[in-house]
């Protein structure tokens, strides 16, 4: 089972962006994990490995969109022309709305992309995903997206996201390729199609060691 000491060891700066986050996660773990079918240490290790990568072990709880033009063209080659990338580089709000509006439930001509950029342990992104997660948790996340980063909700938002995406059965089978693909891409893909796959594997080894599984 996840403990506060274990979490502080692997997330040494876990409280740097959200004060009290580590203690709140540890306190909610005994309730949250079994509620969502996270029933053993192997599944916990997979969950925490994905969260550790996605939110930088608690240090990147809101998506960083401060990209240069070259990064924009690499990250979203179909969403930015060269001229747009030059004009919008290092302007996170403009970048978010250009990259995300018109899809994921985000409306064109609004700040939906910015307001619903990635947050939380699983980097929930887009109006549709916030609304879907909020519906299963009974929280108004689409209307108040920052609620994901409240200490009391943080861990459950991440675990529920894994459940919604169908990750948990693959976590139980120790299939990190499938888990990473479902969370990062939305479906199962080869490892070379998954952003940060090697980092996810490294985090999983650390969490397996910490949890003794």
N, C-alpha and C. Protein backbone atom coordinates (compact mmCIF):
# COMPACT_ATOMS: atom_id res chain seq x y z
N UNK A 1 0.84 -1.20 0.00
CA UNK A 1 0.00 0.00 0.00
C UNK A 1 0.88 1.25 0.00
N UNK A 2 0.43 2.26 -0.66
CA UNK A 2 1.12 3.53 -0.71
C UNK A 2 1.15 4.19 0.66
N UNK A 3 2.32 4.63 1.09
CA UNK A 3 2.44 5.34 2.36
C UNK A 3 3.00 6.74 2.11
N UNK A 4 2.82 7.60 3.10
CA UNK A 4 3.33 8.96 2.95
C UNK A 4 4.85 8.97 2.85
N UNK A 5 5.52 8.14 3.64
CA UNK A 5 6.98 8.10 3.58
C UNK A 5 7.46 7.65 2.21
N UNK A 6 6.82 6.65 1.65
CA UNK A 6 7.18 6.16 0.32
C UNK A 6 6.97 7.25 -0.73
N UNK A 7 5.85 7.92 -0.64
CA UNK A 7 5.53 8.97 -1.60
C UNK A 7 6.52 10.13 -1.47
N UNK A 8 6.88 10.50 -0.25
CA UNK A 8 7.85 11.58 -0.08
C UNK A 8 9.22 11.18 -0.61
N UNK A 9 9.55 9.90 -0.51
CA UNK A 9 10.84 9.44 -1.02
C UNK A 9 10.92 9.56 -2.54
N UNK A 10 9.84 9.20 -3.24
CA UNK A 10 9.86 9.21 -4.70
C UNK A 10 9.35 10.52 -5.29
N UNK A 11 8.59 11.27 -4.50
CA UNK A 11 8.14 12.61 -4.91
C UNK A 11 8.70 13.63 -3.91
N UNK A 12 10.00 13.83 -3.86
CA UNK A 12 10.58 14.70 -2.83
C UNK A 12 10.12 16.15 -2.91
N UNK A 13 9.67 16.58 -4.08
CA UNK A 13 9.16 17.95 -4.25
C UNK A 13 7.66 17.93 -4.52
N UNK A 14 6.99 16.90 -4.04
CA UNK A 14 5.58 16.72 -4.34
C UNK A 14 4.66 17.79 -3.81
N UNK A 15 5.10 18.52 -2.81
CA UNK A 15 4.27 19.61 -2.26
C UNK A 15 4.63 20.97 -2.83
N UNK A 16 5.55 21.01 -3.80
CA UNK A 16 6.08 22.30 -4.25
C UNK A 16 5.05 23.14 -5.01
N UNK A 17 4.13 22.50 -5.70
CA UNK A 17 3.11 23.25 -6.45
C UNK A 17 1.75 23.22 -5.77
N UNK A 18 1.48 22.16 -5.03
CA UNK A 18 0.21 22.03 -4.31
C UNK A 18 0.53 21.72 -2.85
N UNK A 19 0.55 22.72 -1.98
CA UNK A 19 0.87 22.46 -0.57
C UNK A 19 -0.05 21.40 0.05
N UNK A 20 0.55 20.47 0.77
CA UNK A 20 -0.22 19.42 1.42
C UNK A 20 -0.61 18.26 0.53
N UNK A 21 -0.10 18.24 -0.71
CA UNK A 21 -0.52 17.21 -1.66
C UNK A 21 -0.11 15.82 -1.21
N UNK A 22 1.13 15.65 -0.80
CA UNK A 22 1.64 14.31 -0.47
C UNK A 22 0.84 13.68 0.66
N UNK A 23 0.63 14.42 1.74
CA UNK A 23 -0.13 13.88 2.86
C UNK A 23 -1.56 13.56 2.45
N UNK A 24 -2.18 14.40 1.64
CA UNK A 24 -3.55 14.17 1.20
C UNK A 24 -3.65 12.93 0.33
N UNK A 25 -2.68 12.73 -0.55
CA UNK A 25 -2.70 11.54 -1.40
C UNK A 25 -2.58 10.28 -0.55
N UNK A 26 -1.65 10.29 0.40
CA UNK A 26 -1.45 9.12 1.26
C UNK A 26 -2.70 8.85 2.10
N UNK A 27 -3.34 9.91 2.57
CA UNK A 27 -4.53 9.74 3.41
C UNK A 27 -5.71 9.18 2.61
N UNK A 28 -5.81 9.57 1.34
CA UNK A 28 -6.96 9.12 0.53
C UNK A 28 -6.73 7.76 -0.12
N UNK A 29 -5.49 7.32 -0.19
CA UNK A 29 -5.17 6.08 -0.90
C UNK A 29 -5.94 4.86 -0.41
N UNK A 30 -6.07 4.62 0.91
CA UNK A 30 -6.78 3.41 1.35
C UNK A 30 -8.24 3.35 0.93
N UNK A 31 -8.84 4.50 0.66
CA UNK A 31 -10.22 4.54 0.19
C UNK A 31 -10.29 4.55 -1.33
N UNK A 32 -9.46 5.38 -1.95
CA UNK A 32 -9.53 5.58 -3.39
C UNK A 32 -9.14 4.33 -4.17
N UNK A 33 -8.04 3.70 -3.81
CA UNK A 33 -7.56 2.58 -4.61
C UNK A 33 -8.57 1.44 -4.69
N UNK A 34 -9.08 0.91 -3.58
CA UNK A 34 -10.05 -0.18 -3.71
C UNK A 34 -11.36 0.22 -4.38
N UNK A 35 -11.76 1.47 -4.21
CA UNK A 35 -12.99 1.95 -4.86
C UNK A 35 -12.93 1.77 -6.36
N UNK A 36 -11.74 1.95 -6.96
CA UNK A 36 -11.58 1.90 -8.41
C UNK A 36 -10.91 0.62 -8.89
N UNK A 37 -10.86 -0.40 -8.03
CA UNK A 37 -10.34 -1.69 -8.46
C UNK A 37 -8.84 -1.81 -8.45
N UNK A 38 -8.18 -0.88 -7.76
CA UNK A 38 -6.72 -0.97 -7.59
C UNK A 38 -6.49 -1.78 -6.33
N UNK A 39 -6.32 -3.08 -6.50
CA UNK A 39 -6.44 -4.02 -5.39
C UNK A 39 -5.13 -4.63 -4.92
N UNK A 40 -4.01 -4.32 -5.58
CA UNK A 40 -2.74 -4.86 -5.10
C UNK A 40 -1.60 -3.90 -5.44
N UNK A 41 -0.43 -4.22 -4.92
CA UNK A 41 0.70 -3.30 -5.05
C UNK A 41 1.19 -3.18 -6.49
N UNK A 42 1.03 -4.23 -7.30
CA UNK A 42 1.44 -4.13 -8.71
C UNK A 42 0.61 -3.07 -9.43
N UNK A 43 -0.69 -3.07 -9.19
CA UNK A 43 -1.55 -2.09 -9.85
C UNK A 43 -1.25 -0.68 -9.32
N UNK A 44 -0.99 -0.58 -8.02
CA UNK A 44 -0.60 0.72 -7.45
C UNK A 44 0.69 1.21 -8.09
N UNK A 45 1.66 0.33 -8.27
CA UNK A 45 2.94 0.71 -8.89
C UNK A 45 2.71 1.26 -10.29
N UNK A 46 1.85 0.61 -11.06
CA UNK A 46 1.56 1.10 -12.41
C UNK A 46 0.88 2.46 -12.37
N UNK A 47 -0.09 2.62 -11.47
CA UNK A 47 -0.78 3.91 -11.37
C UNK A 47 0.20 5.01 -11.01
N UNK A 48 1.01 4.77 -10.00
CA UNK A 48 1.93 5.81 -9.55
C UNK A 48 3.03 6.09 -10.56
N UNK A 49 3.43 5.07 -11.34
CA UNK A 49 4.42 5.29 -12.39
C UNK A 49 3.87 6.25 -13.45
N UNK A 50 2.63 6.02 -13.86
CA UNK A 50 2.03 6.90 -14.85
C UNK A 50 1.86 8.31 -14.30
N UNK A 51 1.37 8.43 -13.08
CA UNK A 51 1.20 9.75 -12.48
C UNK A 51 2.54 10.46 -12.33
N UNK A 52 3.56 9.71 -11.91
CA UNK A 52 4.88 10.31 -11.69
C UNK A 52 5.41 10.93 -12.98
N UNK A 53 5.20 10.23 -14.09
CA UNK A 53 5.63 10.79 -15.36
C UNK A 53 4.75 11.96 -15.79
N UNK A 54 3.43 11.76 -15.75
CA UNK A 54 2.52 12.75 -16.30
C UNK A 54 2.59 14.09 -15.57
N UNK A 55 2.74 14.06 -14.25
CA UNK A 55 2.74 15.34 -13.51
C UNK A 55 4.09 15.65 -12.89
N UNK A 56 5.15 15.00 -13.39
CA UNK A 56 6.49 15.32 -12.90
C UNK A 56 6.64 15.11 -11.41
N UNK A 57 6.06 14.01 -10.91
CA UNK A 57 6.12 13.70 -9.47
C UNK A 57 5.61 14.86 -8.61
N UNK A 58 4.55 15.50 -9.11
CA UNK A 58 3.92 16.59 -8.37
C UNK A 58 4.44 17.97 -8.68
N UNK A 59 5.42 18.07 -9.59
CA UNK A 59 6.03 19.37 -9.89
C UNK A 59 5.50 20.00 -11.17
N UNK A 60 4.69 19.26 -11.94
CA UNK A 60 4.14 19.77 -13.20
C UNK A 60 2.65 19.45 -13.26
N UNK A 61 1.91 20.00 -12.34
CA UNK A 61 0.50 19.64 -12.19
C UNK A 61 -0.42 20.40 -13.13
N UNK A 62 0.12 21.40 -13.83
CA UNK A 62 -0.60 22.09 -14.90
C UNK A 62 0.29 22.07 -16.13
N UNK A 63 -0.28 21.76 -17.28
CA UNK A 63 0.49 21.59 -18.50
C UNK A 63 1.30 22.85 -18.83
N UNK A 64 2.58 22.65 -19.11
CA UNK A 64 3.46 23.74 -19.51
C UNK A 64 3.38 23.90 -21.02
N UNK A 65 2.87 25.01 -21.47
CA UNK A 65 2.68 25.25 -22.90
C UNK A 65 3.58 26.37 -23.42
N UNK A 66 4.65 26.64 -22.71
CA UNK A 66 5.57 27.71 -23.11
C UNK A 66 6.58 27.18 -24.13
N UNK A 67 6.09 26.88 -25.34
CA UNK A 67 6.91 26.26 -26.37
C UNK A 67 7.49 27.27 -27.35
N UNK A 68 8.66 26.94 -27.86
CA UNK A 68 9.21 27.70 -28.98
C UNK A 68 8.58 27.18 -30.27
N UNK A 69 8.83 27.86 -31.38
CA UNK A 69 8.20 27.49 -32.65
C UNK A 69 8.56 26.07 -33.06
N UNK A 70 9.82 25.70 -32.93
CA UNK A 70 10.24 24.35 -33.34
C UNK A 70 9.53 23.27 -32.54
N UNK A 71 9.35 23.51 -31.24
CA UNK A 71 8.65 22.54 -30.40
C UNK A 71 7.19 22.43 -30.79
N UNK A 72 6.56 23.55 -31.11
CA UNK A 72 5.16 23.53 -31.53
C UNK A 72 4.97 22.69 -32.79
N UNK A 73 5.86 22.87 -33.76
CA UNK A 73 5.75 22.14 -35.02
C UNK A 73 6.01 20.65 -34.83
N UNK A 74 6.85 20.32 -33.86
CA UNK A 74 7.11 18.91 -33.57
C UNK A 74 5.96 18.28 -32.79
N UNK A 75 5.43 19.01 -31.82
CA UNK A 75 4.37 18.49 -30.95
C UNK A 75 3.04 18.39 -31.68
N UNK A 76 2.70 19.44 -32.45
CA UNK A 76 1.40 19.50 -33.13
C UNK A 76 1.59 19.88 -34.61
N UNK A 77 2.18 19.00 -35.40
CA UNK A 77 2.48 19.36 -36.79
C UNK A 77 1.26 19.66 -37.64
N UNK A 78 0.08 19.16 -37.24
CA UNK A 78 -1.12 19.41 -38.04
C UNK A 78 -1.95 20.57 -37.50
N UNK A 79 -1.53 21.15 -36.39
CA UNK A 79 -2.32 22.22 -35.77
C UNK A 79 -1.68 23.60 -35.91
N UNK A 80 -0.42 23.63 -36.33
CA UNK A 80 0.28 24.91 -36.49
C UNK A 80 0.96 24.95 -37.84
N UNK A 81 0.75 26.04 -38.57
CA UNK A 81 1.60 26.31 -39.72
C UNK A 81 2.91 26.91 -39.21
N UNK A 82 3.88 26.99 -40.07
CA UNK A 82 5.15 27.59 -39.66
C UNK A 82 4.93 29.04 -39.20
N UNK A 83 4.12 29.77 -39.93
CA UNK A 83 3.86 31.17 -39.57
C UNK A 83 3.15 31.27 -38.23
N UNK A 84 2.19 30.39 -37.98
CA UNK A 84 1.49 30.40 -36.70
C UNK A 84 2.43 30.06 -35.55
N UNK A 85 3.29 29.10 -35.77
CA UNK A 85 4.23 28.71 -34.72
C UNK A 85 5.15 29.86 -34.36
N UNK A 86 5.61 30.59 -35.36
CA UNK A 86 6.48 31.75 -35.10
C UNK A 86 5.70 32.82 -34.33
N UNK A 87 4.47 33.07 -34.75
CA UNK A 87 3.68 34.15 -34.14
C UNK A 87 3.25 33.83 -32.72
N UNK A 88 3.04 32.55 -32.42
CA UNK A 88 2.47 32.18 -31.12
C UNK A 88 3.47 31.62 -30.12
N UNK A 89 4.71 31.43 -30.54
CA UNK A 89 5.68 30.80 -29.64
C UNK A 89 5.81 31.59 -28.33
N UNK A 90 5.94 30.82 -27.24
CA UNK A 90 6.10 31.38 -25.88
C UNK A 90 4.89 32.20 -25.42
N UNK A 91 3.72 31.91 -26.00
CA UNK A 91 2.48 32.53 -25.55
C UNK A 91 1.50 31.40 -25.19
N UNK A 92 1.58 30.87 -24.00
CA UNK A 92 0.85 29.64 -23.64
C UNK A 92 -0.64 29.68 -23.90
N UNK A 93 -1.30 30.79 -23.61
CA UNK A 93 -2.75 30.84 -23.82
C UNK A 93 -3.09 30.69 -25.31
N UNK A 94 -2.40 31.42 -26.15
CA UNK A 94 -2.64 31.32 -27.60
C UNK A 94 -2.32 29.91 -28.08
N UNK A 95 -1.25 29.34 -27.59
CA UNK A 95 -0.85 27.99 -27.99
C UNK A 95 -1.93 26.98 -27.60
N UNK A 96 -2.41 27.07 -26.37
CA UNK A 96 -3.43 26.12 -25.91
C UNK A 96 -4.68 26.19 -26.76
N UNK A 97 -5.14 27.39 -27.05
CA UNK A 97 -6.37 27.53 -27.83
C UNK A 97 -6.18 27.08 -29.28
N UNK A 98 -5.02 27.33 -29.85
CA UNK A 98 -4.76 26.87 -31.21
C UNK A 98 -4.63 25.35 -31.26
N UNK A 99 -3.96 24.77 -30.28
CA UNK A 99 -3.72 23.33 -30.28
C UNK A 99 -4.96 22.52 -29.94
N UNK A 100 -5.80 23.04 -29.05
CA UNK A 100 -6.88 22.23 -28.50
C UNK A 100 -8.29 22.62 -28.92
N UNK A 101 -8.50 23.86 -29.31
CA UNK A 101 -9.87 24.25 -29.66
C UNK A 101 -10.31 23.59 -30.97
N UNK A 102 -11.62 23.32 -31.05
CA UNK A 102 -12.16 22.63 -32.21
C UNK A 102 -12.13 21.12 -32.08
N UNK A 103 -11.70 20.62 -30.93
CA UNK A 103 -11.70 19.18 -30.66
C UNK A 103 -11.77 18.96 -29.16
N UNK A 104 -11.97 17.73 -28.74
CA UNK A 104 -12.04 17.37 -27.32
C UNK A 104 -13.14 18.14 -26.58
N UNK A 105 -14.15 18.61 -27.32
CA UNK A 105 -15.22 19.37 -26.70
C UNK A 105 -14.92 20.84 -26.53
N UNK A 106 -13.75 21.28 -26.95
CA UNK A 106 -13.37 22.69 -26.84
C UNK A 106 -13.92 23.48 -28.03
N UNK A 107 -14.55 24.60 -27.75
CA UNK A 107 -15.17 25.41 -28.78
C UNK A 107 -14.16 26.35 -29.43
N UNK A 108 -14.32 26.53 -30.73
CA UNK A 108 -13.50 27.50 -31.44
C UNK A 108 -13.85 28.91 -30.96
N UNK A 109 -12.87 29.79 -30.99
CA UNK A 109 -13.11 31.18 -30.63
C UNK A 109 -13.32 31.43 -29.15
N UNK A 110 -12.90 30.48 -28.32
CA UNK A 110 -13.04 30.62 -26.86
C UNK A 110 -11.70 30.34 -26.19
N UNK A 111 -11.70 30.42 -24.87
CA UNK A 111 -10.53 30.04 -24.09
C UNK A 111 -10.62 28.60 -23.57
N UNK A 112 -11.49 27.78 -24.19
CA UNK A 112 -11.65 26.41 -23.71
C UNK A 112 -10.34 25.64 -23.68
N UNK A 113 -9.55 25.78 -24.72
CA UNK A 113 -8.28 25.05 -24.77
C UNK A 113 -7.36 25.42 -23.62
N UNK A 114 -7.33 26.69 -23.31
CA UNK A 114 -6.50 27.18 -22.21
C UNK A 114 -7.10 26.78 -20.86
N UNK A 115 -8.40 26.99 -20.71
CA UNK A 115 -9.05 26.70 -19.43
C UNK A 115 -9.02 25.21 -19.11
N UNK A 116 -9.02 24.38 -20.14
CA UNK A 116 -9.08 22.93 -19.94
C UNK A 116 -7.80 22.25 -20.44
N UNK A 117 -6.68 22.95 -20.27
CA UNK A 117 -5.39 22.33 -20.59
C UNK A 117 -5.09 21.23 -19.55
N UNK A 118 -4.01 20.50 -19.77
CA UNK A 118 -3.71 19.36 -18.92
C UNK A 118 -3.52 19.73 -17.45
N UNK A 119 -4.15 18.96 -16.58
CA UNK A 119 -4.02 19.15 -15.13
C UNK A 119 -4.06 17.80 -14.43
N UNK A 120 -3.52 17.82 -13.21
CA UNK A 120 -3.68 16.67 -12.33
C UNK A 120 -2.70 15.55 -12.58
N UNK A 121 -2.88 14.45 -11.87
CA UNK A 121 -1.92 13.35 -11.95
C UNK A 121 -1.90 12.66 -13.30
N UNK A 122 -3.01 12.69 -14.04
CA UNK A 122 -3.07 12.06 -15.36
C UNK A 122 -3.16 13.08 -16.48
N UNK A 123 -2.95 14.35 -16.15
CA UNK A 123 -3.01 15.44 -17.13
C UNK A 123 -4.30 15.39 -17.95
N UNK A 124 -5.42 15.44 -17.27
CA UNK A 124 -6.74 15.51 -17.89
C UNK A 124 -6.79 16.74 -18.80
N UNK A 125 -7.26 16.57 -20.05
CA UNK A 125 -7.22 17.64 -21.04
C UNK A 125 -8.51 17.68 -21.84
N UNK A 126 -9.06 18.86 -22.04
CA UNK A 126 -10.22 19.05 -22.90
C UNK A 126 -11.53 19.02 -22.14
N UNK A 127 -12.49 19.81 -22.60
CA UNK A 127 -13.79 19.91 -21.93
C UNK A 127 -14.45 18.54 -21.78
N UNK A 128 -14.42 17.73 -22.84
CA UNK A 128 -15.08 16.42 -22.77
C UNK A 128 -14.48 15.55 -21.68
N UNK A 129 -13.15 15.54 -21.57
CA UNK A 129 -12.52 14.69 -20.57
C UNK A 129 -12.77 15.21 -19.16
N UNK A 130 -12.73 16.51 -18.97
CA UNK A 130 -13.07 17.08 -17.67
C UNK A 130 -14.51 16.73 -17.29
N UNK A 131 -15.42 16.86 -18.26
CA UNK A 131 -16.83 16.60 -17.99
C UNK A 131 -17.06 15.11 -17.68
N UNK A 132 -16.43 14.24 -18.44
CA UNK A 132 -16.59 12.80 -18.21
C UNK A 132 -16.06 12.40 -16.84
N UNK A 133 -14.87 12.91 -16.50
CA UNK A 133 -14.30 12.61 -15.19
C UNK A 133 -15.17 13.20 -14.08
N UNK A 134 -15.63 14.42 -14.27
CA UNK A 134 -16.48 15.04 -13.27
C UNK A 134 -17.77 14.29 -13.05
N UNK A 135 -18.33 13.73 -14.12
CA UNK A 135 -19.60 13.01 -14.00
C UNK A 135 -19.43 11.77 -13.11
N UNK A 136 -18.35 11.01 -13.32
CA UNK A 136 -18.19 9.78 -12.52
C UNK A 136 -17.82 10.09 -11.08
N UNK A 137 -17.23 11.26 -10.84
CA UNK A 137 -16.83 11.63 -9.48
C UNK A 137 -17.85 12.51 -8.78
N UNK A 138 -18.84 13.01 -9.51
CA UNK A 138 -19.81 13.92 -8.92
C UNK A 138 -19.22 15.28 -8.61
N UNK A 139 -18.28 15.72 -9.45
CA UNK A 139 -17.63 17.01 -9.26
C UNK A 139 -17.81 17.88 -10.52
N UNK A 140 -17.98 19.19 -10.37
CA UNK A 140 -18.17 20.06 -11.53
C UNK A 140 -16.84 20.45 -12.17
N UNK A 141 -16.12 19.46 -12.68
CA UNK A 141 -14.77 19.71 -13.17
C UNK A 141 -14.74 20.51 -14.46
N UNK A 142 -15.73 20.33 -15.32
CA UNK A 142 -15.75 21.11 -16.56
C UNK A 142 -15.91 22.59 -16.28
N UNK A 143 -16.70 22.90 -15.24
CA UNK A 143 -16.93 24.30 -14.87
C UNK A 143 -15.81 24.84 -13.99
N UNK A 144 -15.18 23.97 -13.22
CA UNK A 144 -14.12 24.38 -12.29
C UNK A 144 -12.94 23.43 -12.41
N UNK A 145 -12.19 23.51 -13.52
CA UNK A 145 -11.13 22.53 -13.78
C UNK A 145 -10.02 22.50 -12.74
N UNK A 146 -9.80 23.61 -12.04
CA UNK A 146 -8.74 23.61 -11.03
C UNK A 146 -9.05 22.69 -9.85
N UNK A 147 -10.28 22.21 -9.75
CA UNK A 147 -10.62 21.29 -8.67
C UNK A 147 -9.79 20.01 -8.74
N UNK A 148 -9.37 19.63 -9.94
CA UNK A 148 -8.54 18.42 -10.08
C UNK A 148 -7.29 18.53 -9.22
N UNK A 149 -6.77 19.73 -9.09
CA UNK A 149 -5.52 19.92 -8.35
C UNK A 149 -5.74 20.27 -6.87
N UNK A 150 -6.94 20.11 -6.40
CA UNK A 150 -7.15 20.24 -4.96
C UNK A 150 -6.67 18.95 -4.29
N UNK A 151 -5.91 19.06 -3.19
CA UNK A 151 -5.33 17.85 -2.58
C UNK A 151 -6.33 16.74 -2.31
N UNK A 152 -7.54 17.10 -1.90
CA UNK A 152 -8.52 16.08 -1.54
C UNK A 152 -9.01 15.28 -2.74
N UNK A 153 -8.91 15.86 -3.95
CA UNK A 153 -9.43 15.19 -5.15
C UNK A 153 -8.33 14.64 -6.04
N UNK A 154 -7.10 15.05 -5.83
CA UNK A 154 -6.02 14.80 -6.79
C UNK A 154 -5.86 13.32 -7.11
N UNK A 155 -5.66 12.48 -6.10
CA UNK A 155 -5.40 11.06 -6.36
C UNK A 155 -6.59 10.39 -7.03
N UNK A 156 -7.80 10.67 -6.53
CA UNK A 156 -8.95 10.00 -7.12
C UNK A 156 -9.19 10.44 -8.55
N UNK A 157 -8.93 11.69 -8.87
CA UNK A 157 -9.06 12.12 -10.26
C UNK A 157 -8.14 11.31 -11.17
N UNK A 158 -6.93 11.06 -10.72
CA UNK A 158 -6.00 10.27 -11.52
C UNK A 158 -6.42 8.83 -11.65
N UNK A 159 -6.80 8.20 -10.55
CA UNK A 159 -7.18 6.79 -10.57
C UNK A 159 -8.46 6.59 -11.38
N UNK A 160 -9.43 7.48 -11.21
CA UNK A 160 -10.66 7.39 -12.00
C UNK A 160 -10.39 7.55 -13.48
N UNK A 161 -9.44 8.41 -13.83
CA UNK A 161 -9.07 8.59 -15.23
C UNK A 161 -8.51 7.30 -15.80
N UNK A 162 -7.66 6.61 -15.04
CA UNK A 162 -7.13 5.32 -15.49
C UNK A 162 -8.27 4.32 -15.70
N UNK A 163 -9.24 4.32 -14.79
CA UNK A 163 -10.37 3.41 -14.92
C UNK A 163 -11.20 3.72 -16.15
N UNK A 164 -11.51 4.99 -16.37
CA UNK A 164 -12.31 5.41 -17.51
C UNK A 164 -11.65 4.98 -18.82
N UNK A 165 -10.33 5.08 -18.87
CA UNK A 165 -9.60 4.76 -20.10
C UNK A 165 -9.33 3.26 -20.27
N UNK A 166 -9.79 2.46 -19.33
CA UNK A 166 -9.63 1.02 -19.46
C UNK A 166 -8.25 0.50 -19.14
N UNK A 167 -7.49 1.24 -18.36
CA UNK A 167 -6.10 0.88 -18.07
C UNK A 167 -5.97 -0.22 -17.02
N UNK A 168 -6.87 -0.27 -16.05
CA UNK A 168 -6.64 -1.09 -14.85
C UNK A 168 -6.48 -2.58 -15.15
N UNK A 169 -7.26 -3.19 -16.05
CA UNK A 169 -7.01 -4.61 -16.35
C UNK A 169 -5.61 -4.87 -16.88
N UNK A 170 -5.07 -3.93 -17.65
CA UNK A 170 -3.71 -4.09 -18.18
C UNK A 170 -2.65 -3.84 -17.11
N UNK A 171 -2.96 -3.00 -16.16
CA UNK A 171 -2.06 -2.78 -15.02
C UNK A 171 -1.94 -4.08 -14.23
N UNK A 172 -3.05 -4.78 -14.04
CA UNK A 172 -3.04 -6.05 -13.31
C UNK A 172 -2.23 -7.11 -14.04
N UNK A 173 -2.12 -6.98 -15.37
CA UNK A 173 -1.34 -7.92 -16.18
C UNK A 173 0.10 -7.46 -16.38
N UNK A 174 0.47 -6.34 -15.74
CA UNK A 174 1.83 -5.79 -15.83
C UNK A 174 2.20 -5.41 -17.27
N UNK A 175 1.23 -4.90 -18.01
CA UNK A 175 1.42 -4.54 -19.41
C UNK A 175 1.55 -3.03 -19.53
N UNK A 176 2.76 -2.53 -19.37
CA UNK A 176 2.97 -1.08 -19.36
C UNK A 176 2.78 -0.47 -20.74
N UNK A 177 3.00 -1.21 -21.80
CA UNK A 177 2.78 -0.67 -23.14
C UNK A 177 1.30 -0.33 -23.31
N UNK A 178 0.43 -1.26 -22.94
CA UNK A 178 -1.01 -1.03 -23.09
C UNK A 178 -1.48 0.10 -22.18
N UNK A 179 -1.03 0.09 -20.94
CA UNK A 179 -1.44 1.13 -19.99
C UNK A 179 -1.01 2.51 -20.49
N UNK A 180 0.24 2.60 -20.90
CA UNK A 180 0.78 3.89 -21.36
C UNK A 180 0.06 4.36 -22.62
N UNK A 181 -0.21 3.45 -23.54
CA UNK A 181 -0.89 3.82 -24.77
C UNK A 181 -2.30 4.31 -24.51
N UNK A 182 -3.04 3.60 -23.67
CA UNK A 182 -4.42 4.00 -23.37
C UNK A 182 -4.47 5.36 -22.69
N UNK A 183 -3.52 5.63 -21.80
CA UNK A 183 -3.52 6.92 -21.09
C UNK A 183 -3.00 8.04 -21.96
N UNK A 184 -1.91 7.80 -22.68
CA UNK A 184 -1.24 8.86 -23.43
C UNK A 184 -1.86 9.11 -24.80
N UNK A 185 -2.25 8.05 -25.48
CA UNK A 185 -2.73 8.18 -26.86
C UNK A 185 -4.24 7.97 -26.96
N UNK A 186 -4.79 7.17 -26.06
CA UNK A 186 -6.22 6.89 -26.09
C UNK A 186 -6.55 5.51 -26.60
N UNK A 187 -5.53 4.79 -27.09
CA UNK A 187 -5.71 3.40 -27.51
C UNK A 187 -4.34 2.73 -27.47
N UNK A 188 -4.33 1.43 -27.62
CA UNK A 188 -3.08 0.67 -27.51
C UNK A 188 -2.27 0.84 -28.78
N UNK A 189 -1.03 1.27 -28.62
CA UNK A 189 -0.11 1.51 -29.74
C UNK A 189 1.25 0.94 -29.38
N UNK A 190 2.15 0.80 -30.36
CA UNK A 190 3.51 0.36 -30.04
C UNK A 190 4.21 1.35 -29.12
N UNK A 191 5.20 0.87 -28.39
CA UNK A 191 5.90 1.71 -27.41
C UNK A 191 6.51 2.96 -28.05
N UNK A 192 6.96 2.85 -29.30
CA UNK A 192 7.61 4.00 -29.93
C UNK A 192 6.64 5.10 -30.33
N UNK A 193 5.34 4.85 -30.14
CA UNK A 193 4.33 5.87 -30.42
C UNK A 193 3.87 6.59 -29.14
N UNK A 194 4.45 6.22 -28.01
CA UNK A 194 4.02 6.74 -26.72
C UNK A 194 5.01 7.78 -26.22
N UNK A 195 4.54 8.99 -25.95
CA UNK A 195 5.42 10.04 -25.45
C UNK A 195 5.92 9.66 -24.06
N UNK A 196 7.24 9.71 -23.88
CA UNK A 196 7.83 9.45 -22.57
C UNK A 196 7.79 7.99 -22.15
N UNK A 197 7.77 7.07 -23.11
CA UNK A 197 7.63 5.66 -22.73
C UNK A 197 8.79 5.18 -21.85
N UNK A 198 10.01 5.52 -22.20
CA UNK A 198 11.16 5.05 -21.41
C UNK A 198 11.11 5.61 -20.00
N UNK A 199 10.65 6.85 -19.84
CA UNK A 199 10.52 7.44 -18.51
C UNK A 199 9.44 6.72 -17.70
N UNK A 200 8.37 6.32 -18.36
CA UNK A 200 7.31 5.57 -17.68
C UNK A 200 7.84 4.23 -17.18
N UNK A 201 8.64 3.57 -18.01
CA UNK A 201 9.24 2.30 -17.62
C UNK A 201 10.15 2.49 -16.41
N UNK A 202 10.95 3.56 -16.44
CA UNK A 202 11.85 3.82 -15.31
C UNK A 202 11.07 4.07 -14.02
N UNK A 203 10.02 4.88 -14.13
CA UNK A 203 9.20 5.14 -12.95
C UNK A 203 8.57 3.84 -12.42
N UNK A 204 8.14 2.97 -13.32
CA UNK A 204 7.52 1.72 -12.88
C UNK A 204 8.53 0.88 -12.09
N UNK A 205 9.78 0.85 -12.54
CA UNK A 205 10.78 0.08 -11.81
C UNK A 205 11.00 0.66 -10.41
N UNK A 206 10.98 1.98 -10.30
CA UNK A 206 11.15 2.61 -8.99
C UNK A 206 9.98 2.29 -8.06
N UNK A 207 8.78 2.37 -8.60
CA UNK A 207 7.60 2.11 -7.75
C UNK A 207 7.48 0.63 -7.40
N UNK A 208 7.84 -0.26 -8.32
CA UNK A 208 7.83 -1.69 -7.98
C UNK A 208 8.81 -1.96 -6.85
N UNK A 209 9.98 -1.37 -6.93
CA UNK A 209 10.97 -1.55 -5.86
C UNK A 209 10.44 -0.99 -4.54
N UNK A 210 9.88 0.21 -4.59
CA UNK A 210 9.37 0.82 -3.37
C UNK A 210 8.25 0.03 -2.71
N UNK A 211 7.41 -0.57 -3.57
CA UNK A 211 6.27 -1.32 -3.05
C UNK A 211 6.57 -2.80 -2.85
N UNK A 212 7.77 -3.21 -3.27
CA UNK A 212 8.17 -4.61 -3.07
C UNK A 212 7.40 -5.58 -3.91
N UNK A 213 7.17 -5.22 -5.18
CA UNK A 213 6.41 -6.13 -6.04
C UNK A 213 7.13 -6.33 -7.39
